[in-house]
PDB file of N, CA and C in Angstrom:
ATOM      1  N   MET A   1      95.965  88.675  99.903  1.00  0.00           N
ATOM      2  CA  MET A   1      95.351  89.382 101.004  1.00  0.00           C
ATOM      3  C   MET A   1      95.698  88.674 102.321  1.00  0.00           C
ATOM      4  N   SER A   2      96.021  89.456 103.314  1.00  0.00           N
ATOM      5  CA  SER A   2      96.403  88.921 104.617  1.00  0.00           C
ATOM      6  C   SER A   2      95.175  88.433 105.386  1.00  0.00           C
ATOM      7  N   THR A   3      95.396  87.401 106.187  1.00  0.00           N
ATOM      8  CA  THR A   3      94.297  86.865 106.995  1.00  0.00           C
ATOM      9  C   THR A   3      94.414  87.295 108.455  1.00  0.00           C
ATOM     10  N   GLU A   4      95.297  88.273 108.733  1.00  0.00           N
ATOM     11  CA  GLU A   4      95.450  88.703 110.115  1.00  0.00           C
ATOM     12  C   GLU A   4      94.170  89.371 110.611  1.00  0.00           C
ATOM     13  N   ILE A   5      93.929  89.216 111.897  1.00  0.00           N
ATOM     14  CA  ILE A   5      92.742  89.794 112.504  1.00  0.00           C
ATOM     15  C   ILE A   5      93.155  91.052 113.257  1.00  0.00           C
ATOM     16  N   LEU A   6      92.514  92.171 112.912  1.00  0.00           N
ATOM     17  CA  LEU A   6      92.769  93.440 113.584  1.00  0.00           C
ATOM     18  C   LEU A   6      91.621  93.727 114.543  1.00  0.00           C
ATOM     19  N   LEU A   7      91.964  94.051 115.771  1.00  0.00           N
ATOM     20  CA  LEU A   7      90.970  94.315 116.799  1.00  0.00           C
ATOM     21  C   LEU A   7      90.871  95.807 117.089  1.00  0.00           C
ATOM     22  N   THR A   8      89.664  96.278 117.346  1.00  0.00           N
ATOM     23  CA  THR A   8      89.474  97.653 117.790  1.00  0.00           C
ATOM     24  C   THR A   8      89.969  97.767 119.225  1.00  0.00           C
ATOM     25  N   VAL A   9      90.056  98.988 119.714  1.00  0.00           N
ATOM     26  CA  VAL A   9      90.457  99.207 121.102  1.00  0.00           C
ATOM     27  C   VAL A   9      89.479  98.496 122.038  1.00  0.00           C
ATOM     28  N   GLU A  10      88.202  98.597 121.737  1.00  0.00           N
ATOM     29  CA  GLU A  10      87.179  97.956 122.564  1.00  0.00           C
ATOM     30  C   GLU A  10      87.340  96.437 122.570  1.00  0.00           C
ATOM     31  N   ASP A  11      87.567  95.861 121.385  1.00  0.00           N
ATOM     32  CA  ASP A  11      87.747  94.412 121.275  1.00  0.00           C
ATOM     33  C   ASP A  11      89.021  93.950 121.988  1.00  0.00           C
ATOM     34  N   ALA A  12      90.104  94.711 121.828  1.00  0.00           N
ATOM     35  CA  ALA A  12      91.372  94.350 122.470  1.00  0.00           C
ATOM     36  C   ALA A  12      91.243  94.423 123.993  1.00  0.00           C
ATOM     37  N   ALA A  13      90.592  95.456 124.488  1.00  0.00           N
ATOM     38  CA  ALA A  13      90.389  95.584 125.934  1.00  0.00           C
ATOM     39  C   ALA A  13      89.551  94.423 126.459  1.00  0.00           C
ATOM     40  N   ALA A  14      88.513  94.058 125.728  1.00  0.00           N
ATOM     41  CA  ALA A  14      87.669  92.937 126.136  1.00  0.00           C
ATOM     42  C   ALA A  14      88.468  91.638 126.125  1.00  0.00           C
ATOM     43  N   ARG A  15      89.318  91.452 125.133  1.00  0.00           N
ATOM     44  CA  ARG A  15      90.131  90.241 125.038  1.00  0.00           C
ATOM     45  C   ARG A  15      91.086  90.134 126.220  1.00  0.00           C
ATOM     46  N   LEU A  16      91.638  91.288 126.648  1.00  0.00           N
ATOM     47  CA  LEU A  16      92.569  91.306 127.780  1.00  0.00           C
ATOM     48  C   LEU A  16      91.842  91.385 129.122  1.00  0.00           C
ATOM     49  N   LYS A  17      90.525  91.560 129.064  1.00  0.00           N
ATOM     50  CA  LYS A  17      89.701  91.691 130.270  1.00  0.00           C
ATOM     51  C   LYS A  17      90.132  92.872 131.130  1.00  0.00           C
ATOM     52  N   ILE A  18      90.362  94.002 130.449  1.00  0.00           N
ATOM     53  CA  ILE A  18      90.691  95.261 131.111  1.00  0.00           C
ATOM     54  C   ILE A  18      89.778  96.333 130.534  1.00  0.00           C
ATOM     55  N   SER A  19      89.780  97.497 131.144  1.00  0.00           N
ATOM     56  CA  SER A  19      88.937  98.574 130.629  1.00  0.00           C
ATOM     57  C   SER A  19      89.595  99.239 129.421  1.00  0.00           C
ATOM     58  N   LYS A  20      88.766  99.828 128.604  1.00  0.00           N
ATOM     59  CA  LYS A  20      89.253 100.587 127.453  1.00  0.00           C
ATOM     60  C   LYS A  20      90.144 101.738 127.929  1.00  0.00           C
ATOM     61  N   HIS A  21      89.774 102.341 129.048  1.00  0.00           N
ATOM     62  CA  HIS A  21      90.548 103.437 129.623  1.00  0.00           C
ATOM     63  C   HIS A  21      91.967 102.983 129.971  1.00  0.00           C
ATOM     64  N   THR A  22      92.091 101.816 130.581  1.00  0.00           N
ATOM     65  CA  THR A  22      93.413 101.285 130.937  1.00  0.00           C
ATOM     66  C   THR A  22      94.248 101.044 129.691  1.00  0.00           C
ATOM     67  N   LEU A  23      93.655 100.452 128.669  1.00  0.00           N
ATOM     68  CA  LEU A  23      94.381 100.187 127.432  1.00  0.00           C
ATOM     69  C   LEU A  23      94.831 101.497 126.779  1.00  0.00           C
ATOM     70  N   ASN A  24      93.971 102.500 126.780  1.00  0.00           N
ATOM     71  CA  ASN A  24      94.345 103.810 126.227  1.00  0.00           C
ATOM     72  C   ASN A  24      95.497 104.428 127.008  1.00  0.00           C
ATOM     73  N   ARG A  25      95.456 104.319 128.330  1.00  0.00           N
ATOM     74  CA  ARG A  25      96.526 104.876 129.158  1.00  0.00           C
ATOM     75  C   ARG A  25      97.835 104.150 128.891  1.00  0.00           C
ATOM     76  N   TRP A  26      97.769 102.805 128.808  1.00  0.00           N
ATOM     77  CA  TRP A  26      98.972 102.031 128.520  1.00  0.00           C
ATOM     78  C   TRP A  26      99.570 102.408 127.174  1.00  0.00           C
ATOM     79  N   ARG A  27      98.721 102.726 126.208  1.00  0.00           N
ATOM     80  CA  ARG A  27      99.214 103.118 124.885  1.00  0.00           C
ATOM     81  C   ARG A  27      99.998 104.423 124.982  1.00  0.00           C
ATOM     82  N   VAL A  28      99.523 105.352 125.797  1.00  0.00           N
ATOM     83  CA  VAL A  28     100.193 106.638 125.966  1.00  0.00           C
ATOM     84  C   VAL A  28     101.518 106.476 126.708  1.00  0.00           C
ATOM     85  N   THR A  29     101.530 105.632 127.728  1.00  0.00           N
ATOM     86  CA  THR A  29     102.740 105.473 128.545  1.00  0.00           C
ATOM     87  C   THR A  29     103.728 104.457 127.975  1.00  0.00           C
ATOM     88  N   GLY A  30     103.291 103.690 126.968  1.00  0.00           N
ATOM     89  CA  GLY A  30     104.165 102.690 126.370  1.00  0.00           C
ATOM     90  C   GLY A  30     104.174 101.366 127.115  1.00  0.00           C
ATOM     91  N   GLU A  31     103.280 101.192 128.081  1.00  0.00           N
ATOM     92  CA  GLU A  31     103.228  99.959 128.870  1.00  0.00           C
ATOM     93  C   GLU A  31     102.453  98.850 128.177  1.00  0.00           C
ATOM     94  N   GLY A  32     101.607  99.195 127.252  1.00  0.00           N
ATOM     95  CA  GLY A  32     100.691  98.230 126.659  1.00  0.00           C
ATOM     96  C   GLY A  32     101.254  97.503 125.453  1.00  0.00           C
ATOM     97  N   PRO A  33     100.398  96.723 124.837  1.00  0.00           N
ATOM     98  CA  PRO A  33     100.814  95.945 123.669  1.00  0.00           C
ATOM     99  C   PRO A  33     101.044  96.843 122.451  1.00  0.00           C
ATOM    100  N   PRO A  34     101.876  96.389 121.511  1.00  0.00           N
ATOM    101  CA  PRO A  34     102.095  97.143 120.279  1.00  0.00           C
ATOM    102  C   PRO A  34     100.774  97.317 119.528  1.00  0.00           C
ATOM    103  N   PHE A  35     100.648  98.434 118.842  1.00  0.00           N
ATOM    104  CA  PHE A  35      99.416  98.756 118.139  1.00  0.00           C
ATOM    105  C   PHE A  35      99.719  99.350 116.772  1.00  0.00           C
ATOM    106  N   ILE A  36      98.695  99.441 115.959  1.00  0.00           N
ATOM    107  CA  ILE A  36      98.796 100.066 114.638  1.00  0.00           C
ATOM    108  C   ILE A  36      97.972 101.343 114.691  1.00  0.00           C
ATOM    109  N   LYS A  37      98.545 102.441 114.229  1.00  0.00           N
ATOM    110  CA  LYS A  37      97.820 103.705 114.226  1.00  0.00           C
ATOM    111  C   LYS A  37      97.658 104.162 112.776  1.00  0.00           C
ATOM    112  N   TYR A  38      96.424 104.119 112.303  1.00  0.00           N
ATOM    113  CA  TYR A  38      96.128 104.499 110.928  1.00  0.00           C
ATOM    114  C   TYR A  38      95.861 105.989 110.783  1.00  0.00           C
ATOM    115  N   GLY A  39      95.536 106.647 111.858  1.00  0.00           N
ATOM    116  CA  GLY A  39      95.237 108.071 111.839  1.00  0.00           C
ATOM    117  C   GLY A  39      95.150 108.581 113.257  1.00  0.00           C
ATOM    118  N   PRO A  40      94.772 109.843 113.423  1.00  0.00           N
ATOM    119  CA  PRO A  40      94.741 110.432 114.768  1.00  0.00           C
ATOM    120  C   PRO A  40      93.865 109.661 115.754  1.00  0.00           C
ATOM    121  N   ARG A  41      92.804 109.028 115.279  1.00  0.00           N
ATOM    122  CA  ARG A  41      91.888 108.346 116.193  1.00  0.00           C
ATOM    123  C   ARG A  41      91.610 106.902 115.807  1.00  0.00           C
ATOM    124  N   LEU A  42      92.340 106.395 114.838  1.00  0.00           N
ATOM    125  CA  LEU A  42      92.074 105.038 114.366  1.00  0.00           C
ATOM    126  C   LEU A  42      93.225 104.118 114.771  1.00  0.00           C
ATOM    127  N   VAL A  43      92.988 103.346 115.821  1.00  0.00           N
ATOM    128  CA  VAL A  43      93.995 102.447 116.383  1.00  0.00           C
ATOM    129  C   VAL A  43      93.464 101.023 116.299  1.00  0.00           C
ATOM    130  N   ARG A  44      94.346 100.095 115.924  1.00  0.00           N
ATOM    131  CA  ARG A  44      93.989  98.675 115.873  1.00  0.00           C
ATOM    132  C   ARG A  44      95.108  97.855 116.489  1.00  0.00           C
ATOM    133  N   TYR A  45      94.744  96.677 116.947  1.00  0.00           N
ATOM    134  CA  TYR A  45      95.687  95.734 117.540  1.00  0.00           C
ATOM    135  C   TYR A  45      95.635  94.439 116.747  1.00  0.00           C
ATOM    136  N   ARG A  46      96.802  93.910 116.384  1.00  0.00           N
ATOM    137  CA  ARG A  46      96.847  92.606 115.724  1.00  0.00           C
ATOM    138  C   ARG A  46      96.579  91.533 116.769  1.00  0.00           C
ATOM    139  N   GLU A  47      95.680  90.627 116.464  1.00  0.00           N
ATOM    140  CA  GLU A  47      95.285  89.593 117.416  1.00  0.00           C
ATOM    141  C   GLU A  47      96.480  88.769 117.891  1.00  0.00           C
ATOM    142  N   GLU A  48      97.333  88.323 116.966  1.00  0.00           N
ATOM    143  CA  GLU A  48      98.455  87.471 117.360  1.00  0.00           C
ATOM    144  C   GLU A  48      99.488  88.239 118.184  1.00  0.00           C
ATOM    145  N   VAL A  49      99.661  89.531 117.926  1.00  0.00           N
ATOM    146  CA  VAL A  49     100.598  90.348 118.697  1.00  0.00           C
ATOM    147  C   VAL A  49     100.053  90.563 120.110  1.00  0.00           C
ATOM    148  N   LEU A  50      98.758  90.785 120.216  1.00  0.00           N
ATOM    149  CA  LEU A  50      98.114  90.965 121.511  1.00  0.00           C
ATOM    150  C   LEU A  50      98.273  89.708 122.370  1.00  0.00           C
ATOM    151  N   GLU A  51      98.060  88.548 121.767  1.00  0.00           N
ATOM    152  CA  GLU A  51      98.207  87.286 122.486  1.00  0.00           C
ATOM    153  C   GLU A  51      99.655  87.053 122.918  1.00  0.00           C
ATOM    154  N   ALA A  52     100.601  87.351 122.030  1.00  0.00           N
ATOM    155  CA  ALA A  52     102.021  87.181 122.364  1.00  0.00           C
ATOM    156  C   ALA A  52     102.429  88.125 123.494  1.00  0.00           C
ATOM    157  N   TRP A  53     101.913  89.343 123.468  1.00  0.00           N
ATOM    158  CA  TRP A  53     102.216  90.324 124.515  1.00  0.00           C
ATOM    159  C   TRP A  53     101.703  89.818 125.861  1.00  0.00           C
ATOM    160  N   ALA A  54     100.482  89.308 125.887  1.00  0.00           N
ATOM    161  CA  ALA A  54      99.907  88.787 127.125  1.00  0.00           C
ATOM    162  C   ALA A  54     100.683  87.556 127.605  1.00  0.00           C
ATOM    163  N   ASP A  55     101.042  86.663 126.683  1.00  0.00           N
ATOM    164  CA  ASP A  55     101.800  85.463 127.051  1.00  0.00           C
ATOM    165  C   ASP A  55     103.155  85.809 127.656  1.00  0.00           C
ATOM    166  N   ALA A  56     103.785  86.862 127.157  1.00  0.00           N
ATOM    167  CA  ALA A  56     105.098  87.264 127.651  1.00  0.00           C
ATOM    168  C   ALA A  56     105.034  87.787 129.079  1.00  0.00           C
ATOM    169  N   ARG A  57     103.850  88.105 129.550  1.00  0.00           N
ATOM    170  CA  ARG A  57     103.686  88.628 130.895  1.00  0.00           C
ATOM    171  C   ARG A  57     103.224  87.579 131.895  1.00  0.00           C
ATOM    172  N   THR A  58     103.179  86.346 131.476  1.00  0.00           N
ATOM    173  CA  THR A  58     102.790  85.257 132.375  1.00  0.00           C
ATOM    174  C   THR A  58     103.903  85.028 133.383  1.00  0.00           C
ATOM    175  N   ARG A  59     103.553  85.012 134.644  1.00  0.00           N
ATOM    176  CA  ARG A  59     104.531  84.856 135.721  1.00  0.00           C
ATOM    177  C   ARG A  59     104.103  83.741 136.659  1.00  0.00           C
ATOM    178  N   GLY A  60     105.057  83.161 137.347  1.00  0.00           N
ATOM    179  CA  GLY A  60     104.779  82.136 138.343  1.00  0.00           C
ATOM    180  C   GLY A  60     104.865  82.668 139.761  1.00  0.00           C
ATOM    181  N   SER A  61     105.269  83.944 139.893  1.00  0.00           N
ATOM    182  CA  SER A  61     105.469  84.530 141.204  1.00  0.00           C
ATOM    183  C   SER A  61     105.356  86.047 141.095  1.00  0.00           C
ATOM    184  N   THR A  62     105.133  86.705 142.214  1.00  0.00           N
ATOM    185  CA  THR A  62     105.086  88.173 142.205  1.00  0.00           C
ATOM    186  C   THR A  62     106.462  88.786 142.466  1.00  0.00           C
ATOM    187  N   SER A  63     107.475  87.939 142.664  1.00  0.00           N
ATOM    188  CA  SER A  63     108.836  88.434 142.857  1.00  0.00           C
ATOM    189  C   SER A  63     109.324  89.064 141.565  1.00  0.00           C
ATOM    190  N   PRO A  64     110.201  90.071 141.689  1.00  0.00           N
ATOM    191  CA  PRO A  64     110.744  90.698 140.488  1.00  0.00           C
ATOM    192  C   PRO A  64     111.493  89.689 139.613  1.00  0.00           C
ATOM    193  N   THR A  65     111.418  89.880 138.317  1.00  0.00           N
ATOM    194  CA  THR A  65     112.145  89.002 137.405  1.00  0.00           C
ATOM    195  C   THR A  65     113.608  89.390 137.368  1.00  0.00           C
ATOM    196  N   ARG A  66     114.439  88.424 137.068  1.00  0.00           N
ATOM    197  CA  ARG A  66     115.892  88.681 137.026  1.00  0.00           C
ATOM    198  C   ARG A  66     116.331  89.059 135.663  1.00  0.00           C
TER     199      ARG A  66
END
């Protein structure tokens, strides 16, 4: 059995300190973190993937990346 932690949309939004609405919009536009979709309304986020996604967006400046 896997020990991965799956987060609900509410939990993932809280972890990222954003609104659930923003996370839902990002999921539709493809801007947000990768997710698992078990059914039409059942979405989960892997904790380690969510953290890696956030870490990849760490910047030292507001200038565009090269």
